Amino acid sequence: STSTRRVTPGRSRGAKHGGESEADAQQEGRRTSESLLCGEVLHAVFSHLDTPALCRAMCVCRAWRSHARDERLWMWMYLRHGSGLPRPQQLPSSWRADYCEQLRLRANWLSGRCLVTRLSGHKEAVNCFSSCGDIVVSGADDNDLRVWDLERDPDDACTKVLSGHTGKVLCCCIVRGMVVSGGEDKAVMVWDLKTGALRGQMRQHTSAVLCMVTDGRRYVYTGGADYELCKWSVDSLQCEGIMRKHRSPILCMCLGCDEGYVVTGSRDRDACVWNTSNAPTAACTHTLTGHDAAVTCVHAS
């Protein structure tokens, strides 16, 4: 008997296999390209983007979104590119959320979208303040610190009065649920923010404590009218380092960009950069000269 075979137009088996091989090769090439742009390489590329560009990169694909949400990247954005933003006084739970919140607050401030609230209670001039969320702590010439809750009515916003200094309160900061203050009485005091109880009093300066800054985790740095920079541990309530270089009172300070670095400004017209990681043997790594008068503010970015 005779059989008839029906022939259907289309690619031959060889052509089909060739097409599959070509598609596989293209897919493998895409995988290779994606792998090259992953991990530290992609992190390095993203670190050069500004905030809008980084947000757009998050919309490209899931892999890019995952890398763009890396907390290390947003910490870098905050510390390196957040010029004009306040440095966090304690370690944020999310660098990305904190950075975006600070950008939003700055935009609101610059555009006038803000509500002004007056907090009254101090009997003398207010010299310093520090904030953490809705909590603000202020120090004044009346020797007291006051704790304010911004969620409450302005007339009832003061929740605690911290009394203990025997001179004007000149500087303060909030770190890990504690208030640290320095004053004209040469003392550095540590208070419990929740209860208002005095946890300890630290003494090393031989003159007024003029300024302070904290890394938000363990250490507080203070500058005094005795020309000294001191490093304090809020865990042990002990001075872990005394650094000397300035020839006049230290008037201002800030954290450096790298961990353990502090920048100070003095009435001697110099700014000094310190690596405090090796305290108590830490030393000044750079002395910045050129001002014709006292250095009253410093900022590192």
C-alpha atoms as a PDB file:
ATOM      1  CA  SER A   1       0.000   0.000   0.000  1.00  0.00           C
ATOM      2  CA  THR A   2       1.032   3.485  -0.645  1.00  0.00           C
ATOM      3  CA  SER A   3       1.219   6.042   2.289  1.00  0.00           C
ATOM      4  CA  THR A   4       1.188   9.782   1.945  1.00  0.00           C
ATOM      5  CA  ARG A   5       3.211  11.938   4.364  1.00  0.00           C
ATOM      6  CA  ARG A   6       1.956  15.439   5.067  1.00  0.00           C
ATOM      7  CA  VAL A   7       4.655  18.056   5.134  1.00  0.00           C
ATOM      8  CA  THR A   8       4.030  21.137   7.334  1.00  0.00           C
ATOM      9  CA  PRO A   9       5.979  24.309   6.485  1.00  0.00           C
ATOM     10  CA  GLY A  10       8.277  25.495   9.287  1.00  0.00           C
ATOM     11  CA  ARG A  11      11.784  25.387  10.602  1.00  0.00           C
ATOM     12  CA  SER A  12      13.753  22.225  10.211  1.00  0.00           C
ATOM     13  CA  ARG A  13      14.921  20.348  13.289  1.00  0.00           C
ATOM     14  CA  GLY A  14      18.379  21.670  12.783  1.00  0.00           C
ATOM     15  CA  ALA A  15      17.083  25.242  12.556  1.00  0.00           C
ATOM     16  CA  LYS A  16      15.047  24.728  15.699  1.00  0.00           C
ATOM     17  CA  HIS A  17      18.001  23.485  17.648  1.00  0.00           C
ATOM     18  CA  GLY A  18      20.051  26.360  16.323  1.00  0.00           C
ATOM     19  CA  GLY A  19      17.407  28.867  17.467  1.00  0.00           C
ATOM     20  CA  GLU A  20      17.262  27.333  20.919  1.00  0.00           C
ATOM     21  CA  SER A  21      21.050  27.445  21.190  1.00  0.00           C
ATOM     22  CA  GLU A  22      21.081  31.100  20.184  1.00  0.00           C
ATOM     23  CA  ALA A  23      18.328  31.936  22.742  1.00  0.00           C
ATOM     24  CA  ASP A  24      20.187  30.032  25.437  1.00  0.00           C
ATOM     25  CA  ALA A  25      23.338  31.936  24.642  1.00  0.00           C
ATOM     26  CA  GLN A  26      21.516  35.269  24.851  1.00  0.00           C
ATOM     27  CA  GLN A  27      19.920  34.294  28.168  1.00  0.00           C
ATOM     28  CA  GLU A  28      23.288  33.193  29.525  1.00  0.00           C
ATOM     29  CA  GLY A  29      24.750  36.504  28.429  1.00  0.00           C
ATOM     30  CA  ARG A  30      22.052  38.388  30.301  1.00  0.00           C
ATOM     31  CA  ARG A  31      22.728  36.312  33.414  1.00  0.00           C
ATOM     32  CA  THR A  32      26.417  37.099  33.145  1.00  0.00           C
ATOM     33  CA  SER A  33      25.701  40.826  32.792  1.00  0.00           C
ATOM     34  CA  GLU A  34      23.386  40.747  35.804  1.00  0.00           C
ATOM     35  CA  SER A  35      25.960  38.918  37.897  1.00  0.00           C
ATOM     36  CA  LEU A  36      28.581  41.522  37.012  1.00  0.00           C
ATOM     37  CA  LEU A  37      26.297  44.276  38.261  1.00  0.00           C
ATOM     38  CA  CYS A  38      25.507  42.619  41.559  1.00  0.00           C
ATOM     39  CA  GLY A  39      26.928  42.879  45.011  1.00  0.00           C
ATOM     40  CA  GLU A  40      29.711  45.319  45.715  1.00  0.00           C
ATOM     41  CA  VAL A  41      29.985  46.486  42.090  1.00  0.00           C
ATOM     42  CA  LEU A  42      26.356  47.572  41.980  1.00  0.00           C
ATOM     43  CA  HIS A  43      26.741  49.079  45.456  1.00  0.00           C
ATOM     44  CA  ALA A  44      29.715  51.120  44.229  1.00  0.00           C
ATOM     45  CA  VAL A  45      27.768  52.363  41.200  1.00  0.00           C
ATOM     46  CA  PHE A  46      24.747  53.308  43.301  1.00  0.00           C
ATOM     47  CA  SER A  47      26.925  55.189  45.787  1.00  0.00           C
ATOM     48  CA  HIS A  48      27.589  57.830  43.093  1.00  0.00           C
ATOM     49  CA  LEU A  49      23.894  58.511  42.472  1.00  0.00           C
ATOM     50  CA  ASP A  50      21.915  61.309  44.045  1.00  0.00           C
ATOM     51  CA  THR A  51      18.668  60.594  45.868  1.00  0.00           C
ATOM     52  CA  PRO A  52      16.233  60.972  42.916  1.00  0.00           C
ATOM     53  CA  ALA A  53      18.417  58.786  40.673  1.00  0.00           C
ATOM     54  CA  LEU A  54      18.706  56.116  43.361  1.00  0.00           C
ATOM     55  CA  CYS A  55      14.934  56.096  43.820  1.00  0.00           C
ATOM     56  CA  ARG A  56      14.485  55.654  40.060  1.00  0.00           C
ATOM     57  CA  ALA A  57      16.977  52.778  40.085  1.00  0.00           C
ATOM     58  CA  MET A  58      14.766  51.001  42.623  1.00  0.00           C
ATOM     59  CA  CYS A  59      12.041  50.786  39.949  1.00  0.00           C
ATOM     60  CA  VAL A  60      14.165  48.943  37.366  1.00  0.00           C
ATOM     61  CA  CYS A  61      13.913  45.395  38.715  1.00  0.00           C
ATOM     62  CA  ARG A  62      13.703  43.418  41.935  1.00  0.00           C
ATOM     63  CA  ALA A  63      17.451  42.870  42.117  1.00  0.00           C
ATOM     64  CA  TRP A  64      18.191  46.575  41.789  1.00  0.00           C
ATOM     65  CA  ARG A  65      15.467  47.419  44.276  1.00  0.00           C
ATOM     66  CA  SER A  66      16.998  45.046  46.793  1.00  0.00           C
ATOM     67  CA  HIS A  67      20.470  46.569  46.391  1.00  0.00           C
ATOM     68  CA  ALA A  68      19.151  50.138  46.406  1.00  0.00           C
ATOM     69  CA  ARG A  69      17.497  49.519  49.787  1.00  0.00           C
ATOM     70  CA  ASP A  70      20.789  48.445  51.384  1.00  0.00           C
ATOM     71  CA  GLU A  71      21.193  50.319  54.676  1.00  0.00           C
ATOM     72  CA  ARG A  72      24.935  50.708  54.094  1.00  0.00           C
ATOM     73  CA  LEU A  73      24.196  52.647  50.918  1.00  0.00           C
ATOM     74  CA  TRP A  74      21.770  55.007  52.662  1.00  0.00           C
ATOM     75  CA  MET A  75      24.184  55.547  55.529  1.00  0.00           C
ATOM     76  CA  TRP A  76      26.733  56.595  52.908  1.00  0.00           C
ATOM     77  CA  MET A  77      24.162  58.887  51.287  1.00  0.00           C
ATOM     78  CA  TYR A  78      23.325  60.477  54.633  1.00  0.00           C
ATOM     79  CA  LEU A  79      26.885  61.042  55.829  1.00  0.00           C
ATOM     80  CA  ARG A  80      28.525  61.915  52.497  1.00  0.00           C
ATOM     81  CA  HIS A  81      25.806  63.626  50.489  1.00  0.00           C
ATOM     82  CA  GLY A  82      23.498  64.955  53.208  1.00  0.00           C
ATOM     83  CA  SER A  83      25.142  68.365  53.356  1.00  0.00           C
ATOM     84  CA  GLY A  84      23.040  70.744  55.398  1.00  0.00           C
ATOM     85  CA  LEU A  85      21.156  67.967  57.164  1.00  0.00           C
ATOM     86  CA  PRO A  86      21.572  67.494  60.914  1.00  0.00           C
ATOM     87  CA  ARG A  87      23.770  64.573  61.849  1.00  0.00           C
ATOM     88  CA  PRO A  88      21.861  61.851  63.721  1.00  0.00           C
ATOM     89  CA  GLN A  89      22.526  62.078  67.459  1.00  0.00           C
ATOM     90  CA  GLN A  90      21.914  58.374  67.864  1.00  0.00           C
ATOM     91  CA  LEU A  91      22.184  55.401  65.516  1.00  0.00           C
ATOM     92  CA  PRO A  92      19.013  55.357  63.357  1.00  0.00           C
ATOM     93  CA  SER A  93      16.961  52.170  63.162  1.00  0.00           C
ATOM     94  CA  SER A  94      16.795  52.822  59.399  1.00  0.00           C
ATOM     95  CA  TRP A  95      19.229  55.138  57.639  1.00  0.00           C
ATOM     96  CA  ARG A  96      16.993  55.284  54.564  1.00  0.00           C
ATOM     97  CA  ALA A  97      13.879  56.261  56.510  1.00  0.00           C
ATOM     98  CA  ASP A  98      15.773  58.811  58.598  1.00  0.00           C
ATOM     99  CA  TYR A  99      17.456  60.355  55.553  1.00  0.00           C
ATOM    100  CA  CYS A 100      14.180  60.648  53.643  1.00  0.00           C
ATOM    101  CA  GLU A 101      12.495  62.153  56.699  1.00  0.00           C
ATOM    102  CA  GLN A 102      15.245  64.755  57.061  1.00  0.00           C
ATOM    103  CA  LEU A 103      14.951  65.648  53.371  1.00  0.00           C
ATOM    104  CA  ARG A 104      11.192  66.070  53.783  1.00  0.00           C
ATOM    105  CA  LEU A 105      11.614  68.251  56.872  1.00  0.00           C
ATOM    106  CA  ARG A 106      14.190  70.447  55.121  1.00  0.00           C
ATOM    107  CA  ALA A 107      11.912  70.845  52.098  1.00  0.00           C
ATOM    108  CA  ASN A 108       9.018  71.816  54.366  1.00  0.00           C
ATOM    109  CA  TRP A 109      11.199  74.314  56.234  1.00  0.00           C
ATOM    110  CA  LEU A 110      12.544  75.950  53.072  1.00  0.00           C
ATOM    111  CA  SER A 111       9.060  76.269  51.584  1.00  0.00           C
ATOM    112  CA  GLY A 112       7.538  77.644  54.777  1.00  0.00           C
ATOM    113  CA  ARG A 113       5.345  74.610  55.438  1.00  0.00           C
ATOM    114  CA  CYS A 114       5.890  74.541  59.192  1.00  0.00           C
ATOM    115  CA  LEU A 115       4.090  75.270  62.435  1.00  0.00           C
ATOM    116  CA  VAL A 116       5.903  77.413  64.996  1.00  0.00           C
ATOM    117  CA  THR A 117       5.359  76.431  68.634  1.00  0.00           C
ATOM    118  CA  ARG A 118       6.756  78.410  71.534  1.00  0.00           C
ATOM    119  CA  LEU A 119       7.960  76.406  74.551  1.00  0.00           C
ATOM    120  CA  SER A 120       8.195  78.548  77.669  1.00  0.00           C
ATOM    121  CA  GLY A 121       9.563  77.576  81.062  1.00  0.00           C
ATOM    122  CA  HIS A 122      13.228  78.519  81.392  1.00  0.00           C
ATOM    123  CA  LYS A 123      13.913  81.548  83.568  1.00  0.00           C
ATOM    124  CA  GLU A 124      17.101  82.541  81.709  1.00  0.00           C
ATOM    125  CA  ALA A 125      18.587  82.321  78.219  1.00  0.00           C
ATOM    126  CA  VAL A 126      18.510  78.925  76.477  1.00  0.00           C
ATOM    127  CA  ASN A 127      22.024  77.870  75.408  1.00  0.00           C
ATOM    128  CA  CYS A 128      21.529  74.423  73.874  1.00  0.00           C
ATOM    129  CA  PHE A 129      19.035  71.773  72.887  1.00  0.00           C
ATOM    130  CA  SER A 130      18.911  68.247  71.547  1.00  0.00           C
ATOM    131  CA  SER A 131      16.052  66.252  70.042  1.00  0.00           C
ATOM    132  CA  CYS A 132      15.045  62.640  69.535  1.00  0.00           C
ATOM    133  CA  GLY A 133      11.759  62.151  67.732  1.00  0.00           C
ATOM    134  CA  ASP A 134       9.104  64.202  69.508  1.00  0.00           C
ATOM    135  CA  ILE A 135      11.299  64.725  72.594  1.00  0.00           C
ATOM    136  CA  VAL A 136      13.389  67.886  72.971  1.00  0.00           C
ATOM    137  CA  VAL A 137      15.834  68.610  75.797  1.00  0.00           C
ATOM    138  CA  SER A 138      17.009  72.180  76.425  1.00  0.00           C
ATOM    139  CA  GLY A 139      19.630  73.654  78.744  1.00  0.00           C
ATOM    140  CA  ALA A 140      19.780  77.232  79.988  1.00  0.00           C
ATOM    141  CA  ASP A 141      21.486  79.832  82.125  1.00  0.00           C
ATOM    142  CA  ASP A 142      19.084  78.974  84.973  1.00  0.00           C
ATOM    143  CA  ASN A 143      21.249  75.850  85.605  1.00  0.00           C
ATOM    144  CA  ASP A 144      18.395  73.514  84.570  1.00  0.00           C
ATOM    145  CA  LEU A 145      17.573  71.204  81.709  1.00  0.00           C
ATOM    146  CA  ARG A 146      13.979  70.751  80.622  1.00  0.00           C
ATOM    147  CA  VAL A 147      12.451  67.814  78.757  1.00  0.00           C
ATOM    148  CA  TRP A 148       9.672  68.721  76.304  1.00  0.00           C
ATOM    149  CA  ASP A 149       7.147  66.427  74.628  1.00  0.00           C
ATOM    150  CA  LEU A 150       6.084  67.968  71.312  1.00  0.00           C
ATOM    151  CA  GLU A 151       3.012  65.723  71.158  1.00  0.00           C
ATOM    152  CA  ARG A 152       1.506  67.559  74.112  1.00  0.00           C
ATOM    153  CA  ASP A 153      -0.120  70.964  74.318  1.00  0.00           C
ATOM    154  CA  PRO A 154       2.575  73.715  74.314  1.00  0.00           C
ATOM    155  CA  ASP A 155       1.412  75.003  77.701  1.00  0.00           C
ATOM    156  CA  ASP A 156       1.918  71.522  79.188  1.00  0.00           C
ATOM    157  CA  ALA A 157       4.820  70.311  77.044  1.00  0.00           C
ATOM    158  CA  CYS A 158       7.482  70.341  79.775  1.00  0.00           C
ATOM    159  CA  THR A 159       7.462  66.872  81.337  1.00  0.00           C
ATOM    160  CA  LYS A 160      10.608  67.062  83.490  1.00  0.00           C
ATOM    161  CA  VAL A 161      13.047  69.548  84.948  1.00  0.00           C
ATOM    162  CA  LEU A 162      16.555  68.155  85.424  1.00  0.00           C
ATOM    163  CA  SER A 163      18.290  70.035  88.229  1.00  0.00           C
ATOM    164  CA  GLY A 164      21.813  69.328  89.414  1.00  0.00           C
ATOM    165  CA  HIS A 165      24.218  71.679  87.720  1.00  0.00           C
ATOM    166  CA  THR A 166      25.544  74.490  89.889  1.00  0.00           C
ATOM    167  CA  GLY A 167      26.303  76.687  86.885  1.00  0.00           C
ATOM    168  CA  LYS A 168      24.887  77.487  83.480  1.00  0.00           C
ATOM    169  CA  VAL A 169      24.092  74.489  81.244  1.00  0.00           C
ATOM    170  CA  LEU A 170      26.073  75.098  78.057  1.00  0.00           C
ATOM    171  CA  CYS A 171      25.649  71.889  76.029  1.00  0.00           C
ATOM    172  CA  CYS A 172      23.585  68.700  75.958  1.00  0.00           C
ATOM    173  CA  CYS A 173      22.766  65.668  73.842  1.00  0.00           C
ATOM    174  CA  ILE A 174      20.530  62.595  73.862  1.00  0.00           C
ATOM    175  CA  VAL A 175      22.055  59.144  73.500  1.00  0.00           C
ATOM    176  CA  ARG A 176      20.449  55.728  74.050  1.00  0.00           C
ATOM    177  CA  GLY A 177      17.671  56.952  76.322  1.00  0.00           C
ATOM    178  CA  MET A 178      20.012  59.178  78.331  1.00  0.00           C
ATOM    179  CA  VAL A 179      20.544  62.925  78.510  1.00  0.00           C
ATOM    180  CA  VAL A 180      24.158  64.068  78.789  1.00  0.00           C
ATOM    181  CA  SER A 181      24.861  67.673  79.753  1.00  0.00           C
ATOM    182  CA  GLY A 182      27.867  69.880  80.338  1.00  0.00           C
ATOM    183  CA  GLY A 183      28.038  73.158  82.157  1.00  0.00           C
ATOM    184  CA  GLU A 184      29.856  76.073  83.612  1.00  0.00           C
ATOM    185  CA  ASP A 185      30.442  74.008  86.773  1.00  0.00           C
ATOM    186  CA  LYS A 186      32.973  71.793  84.868  1.00  0.00           C
ATOM    187  CA  ALA A 187      30.720  68.717  85.281  1.00  0.00           C
ATOM    188  CA  VAL A 188      29.372  66.279  82.706  1.00  0.00           C
ATOM    189  CA  MET A 189      26.097  64.797  83.982  1.00  0.00           C
ATOM    190  CA  VAL A 190      24.137  61.807  82.744  1.00  0.00           C
ATOM    191  CA  TRP A 191      20.373  61.593  83.271  1.00  0.00           C
ATOM    192  CA  ASP A 192      17.755  58.938  82.562  1.00  0.00           C
ATOM    193  CA  LEU A 193      15.506  60.448  79.897  1.00  0.00           C
ATOM    194  CA  LYS A 194      12.461  58.421  80.929  1.00  0.00           C
ATOM    195  CA  THR A 195      12.564  58.925  84.699  1.00  0.00           C
ATOM    196  CA  GLY A 196      14.640  62.102  84.964  1.00  0.00           C
ATOM    197  CA  ALA A 197      16.913  60.474  87.569  1.00  0.00           C
ATOM    198  CA  LEU A 198      20.572  61.467  87.703  1.00  0.00           C
ATOM    199  CA  ARG A 199      22.612  58.400  86.712  1.00  0.00           C
ATOM    200  CA  GLY A 200      26.033  59.856  87.308  1.00  0.00           C
ATOM    201  CA  GLN A 201      28.335  62.840  87.327  1.00  0.00           C
ATOM    202  CA  MET A 202      31.664  62.793  85.524  1.00  0.00           C
ATOM    203  CA  ARG A 203      34.505  65.203  86.173  1.00  0.00           C
ATOM    204  CA  GLN A 204      37.730  65.707  84.268  1.00  0.00           C
ATOM    205  CA  HIS A 205      37.594  69.203  82.831  1.00  0.00           C
ATOM    206  CA  THR A 206      39.207  71.906  84.947  1.00  0.00           C
ATOM    207  CA  SER A 207      37.050  74.630  83.421  1.00  0.00           C
ATOM    208  CA  ALA A 208      33.608  75.041  81.825  1.00  0.00           C
ATOM    209  CA  VAL A 209      32.349  72.372  79.399  1.00  0.00           C
ATOM    210  CA  LEU A 210      31.472  74.379  76.291  1.00  0.00           C
ATOM    211  CA  CYS A 211      30.381  71.854  73.656  1.00  0.00           C
ATOM    212  CA  MET A 212      29.683  68.166  73.118  1.00  0.00           C
ATOM    213  CA  VAL A 213      28.746  65.616  70.488  1.00  0.00           C
ATOM    214  CA  THR A 214      27.857  61.914  70.591  1.00  0.00           C
ATOM    215  CA  ASP A 215      28.262  59.000  68.203  1.00  0.00           C
ATOM    216  CA  GLY A 216      24.779  57.859  69.236  1.00  0.00           C
ATOM    217  CA  ARG A 217      25.991  54.516  70.514  1.00  0.00           C
ATOM    218  CA  ARG A 218      28.498  54.573  73.342  1.00  0.00           C
ATOM    219  CA  TYR A 219      30.674  57.675  73.392  1.00  0.00           C
ATOM    220  CA  VAL A 220      30.240  61.360  74.126  1.00  0.00           C
ATOM    221  CA  TYR A 221      32.959  63.888  73.306  1.00  0.00           C
ATOM    222  CA  THR A 222      33.266  67.203  75.145  1.00  0.00           C
ATOM    223  CA  GLY A 223      35.333  70.317  74.561  1.00  0.00           C
ATOM    224  CA  GLY A 224      36.196  72.672  77.382  1.00  0.00           C
ATOM    225  CA  ALA A 225      37.501  76.092  78.237  1.00  0.00           C
ATOM    226  CA  ASP A 226      40.551  74.205  79.553  1.00  0.00           C
ATOM    227  CA  TYR A 227      41.591  73.562  75.878  1.00  0.00           C
ATOM    228  CA  GLU A 228      40.938  69.796  76.274  1.00  0.00           C
ATOM    229  CA  LEU A 229      38.900  67.302  74.266  1.00  0.00           C
ATOM    230  CA  CYS A 230      37.570  64.448  76.423  1.00  0.00           C
ATOM    231  CA  LYS A 231      36.080  61.123  75.383  1.00  0.00           C
ATOM    232  CA  TRP A 232      33.473  59.629  77.731  1.00  0.00           C
ATOM    233  CA  SER A 233      31.800  56.236  77.866  1.00  0.00           C
ATOM    234  CA  VAL A 234      28.107  56.376  78.785  1.00  0.00           C
ATOM    235  CA  ASP A 235      28.338  52.703  79.807  1.00  0.00           C
ATOM    236  CA  SER A 236      31.085  53.025  82.425  1.00  0.00           C
ATOM    237  CA  LEU A 237      30.582  56.750  83.082  1.00  0.00           C
ATOM    238  CA  GLN A 238      34.346  57.139  82.828  1.00  0.00           C
ATOM    239  CA  CYS A 239      36.659  59.371  80.828  1.00  0.00           C
ATOM    240  CA  GLU A 240      38.500  57.164  78.316  1.00  0.00           C
ATOM    241  CA  GLY A 241      40.716  59.773  76.719  1.00  0.00           C
ATOM    242  CA  ILE A 242      42.045  63.319  77.104  1.00  0.00           C
ATOM    243  CA  MET A 243      43.368  65.037  73.980  1.00  0.00           C
ATOM    244  CA  ARG A 244      45.320  68.277  73.929  1.00  0.00           C
ATOM    245  CA  LYS A 245      46.390  70.397  70.969  1.00  0.00           C
ATOM    246  CA  HIS A 246      44.413  73.641  71.064  1.00  0.00           C
ATOM    247  CA  ARG A 247      45.886  76.709  72.701  1.00  0.00           C
ATOM    248  CA  SER A 248      42.533  78.283  73.640  1.00  0.00           C
ATOM    249  CA  PRO A 249      39.029  77.117  74.644  1.00  0.00           C
ATOM    250  CA  ILE A 250      37.291  74.629  72.337  1.00  0.00           C
ATOM    251  CA  LEU A 251      34.123  76.349  71.123  1.00  0.00           C
ATOM    252  CA  CYS A 252      32.544  73.809  68.750  1.00  0.00           C
ATOM    253  CA  MET A 253      32.827  70.250  67.490  1.00  0.00           C
ATOM    254  CA  CYS A 254      31.243  67.673  65.216  1.00  0.00           C
ATOM    255  CA  LEU A 255      31.717  64.047  64.266  1.00  0.00           C
ATOM    256  CA  GLY A 256      33.991  63.316  61.349  1.00  0.00           C
ATOM    257  CA  CYS A 257      32.896  61.306  58.320  1.00  0.00           C
ATOM    258  CA  ASP A 258      34.828  58.216  59.431  1.00  0.00           C
ATOM    259  CA  GLU A 259      34.114  56.359  62.659  1.00  0.00           C
ATOM    260  CA  GLY A 260      36.154  57.586  65.601  1.00  0.00           C
ATOM    261  CA  TYR A 261      37.014  60.950  64.055  1.00  0.00           C
ATOM    262  CA  VAL A 262      36.063  64.257  65.686  1.00  0.00           C
ATOM    263  CA  VAL A 263      36.564  67.804  64.394  1.00  0.00           C
ATOM    264  CA  THR A 264      36.965  70.694  66.840  1.00  0.00           C
ATOM    265  CA  GLY A 265      37.131  74.465  66.479  1.00  0.00           C
ATOM    266  CA  SER A 266      38.792  76.797  68.957  1.00  0.00           C
ATOM    267  CA  ARG A 267      39.344  80.382  69.925  1.00  0.00           C
ATOM    268  CA  ASP A 268      42.965  79.873  68.847  1.00  0.00           C
ATOM    269  CA  ARG A 269      41.681  80.213  65.215  1.00  0.00           C
ATOM    270  CA  ASP A 270      42.448  76.562  64.373  1.00  0.00           C
ATOM    271  CA  ALA A 271      40.288  73.545  63.564  1.00  0.00           C
ATOM    272  CA  CYS A 272      41.682  70.151  64.523  1.00  0.00           C
ATOM    273  CA  VAL A 273      40.827  66.675  63.265  1.00  0.00           C
ATOM    274  CA  TRP A 274      41.211  63.882  65.818  1.00  0.00           C
ATOM    275  CA  ASN A 275      41.288  60.116  65.486  1.00  0.00           C
ATOM    276  CA  THR A 276      39.906  59.087  68.864  1.00  0.00           C
ATOM    277  CA  SER A 277      39.898  55.345  68.155  1.00  0.00           C
ATOM    278  CA  ASN A 278      43.190  54.907  69.998  1.00  0.00           C
ATOM    279  CA  ALA A 279      42.199  56.862  73.109  1.00  0.00           C
ATOM    280  CA  PRO A 280      43.706  57.552  75.589  1.00  0.00           C
ATOM    281  CA  THR A 281      46.737  57.870  73.286  1.00  0.00           C
ATOM    282  CA  ALA A 282      44.747  59.519  70.468  1.00  0.00           C
ATOM    283  CA  ALA A 283      46.298  62.501  68.736  1.00  0.00           C
ATOM    284  CA  CYS A 284      45.419  65.277  66.342  1.00  0.00           C
ATOM    285  CA  THR A 285      45.841  64.053  62.747  1.00  0.00           C
ATOM    286  CA  HIS A 286      45.326  67.393  60.995  1.00  0.00           C
ATOM    287  CA  THR A 287      45.434  71.038  62.046  1.00  0.00           C
ATOM    288  CA  LEU A 288      43.460  73.327  59.738  1.00  0.00           C
ATOM    289  CA  THR A 289      44.687  76.926  59.841  1.00  0.00           C
ATOM    290  CA  GLY A 290      43.756  80.119  58.055  1.00  0.00           C
ATOM    291  CA  HIS A 291      41.044  81.869  60.081  1.00  0.00           C
ATOM    292  CA  ASP A 292      41.822  85.315  61.453  1.00  0.00           C
ATOM    293  CA  ALA A 293      39.476  84.915  64.424  1.00  0.00           C
ATOM    294  CA  ALA A 294      37.937  82.227  66.605  1.00  0.00           C
ATOM    295  CA  VAL A 295      36.397  79.157  64.921  1.00  0.00           C
ATOM    296  CA  THR A 296      32.802  79.092  66.172  1.00  0.00           C
ATOM    297  CA  CYS A 297      31.272  76.286  64.087  1.00  0.00           C
ATOM    298  CA  VAL A 298      32.448  73.195  62.200  1.00  0.00           C
ATOM    299  CA  HIS A 299      30.734  70.647  59.965  1.00  0.00           C
ATOM    300  CA  ALA A 300      32.098  67.532  58.227  1.00  0.00           C
ATOM    301  CA  SER A 301      30.584  65.851  55.165  1.00  0.00           C
END
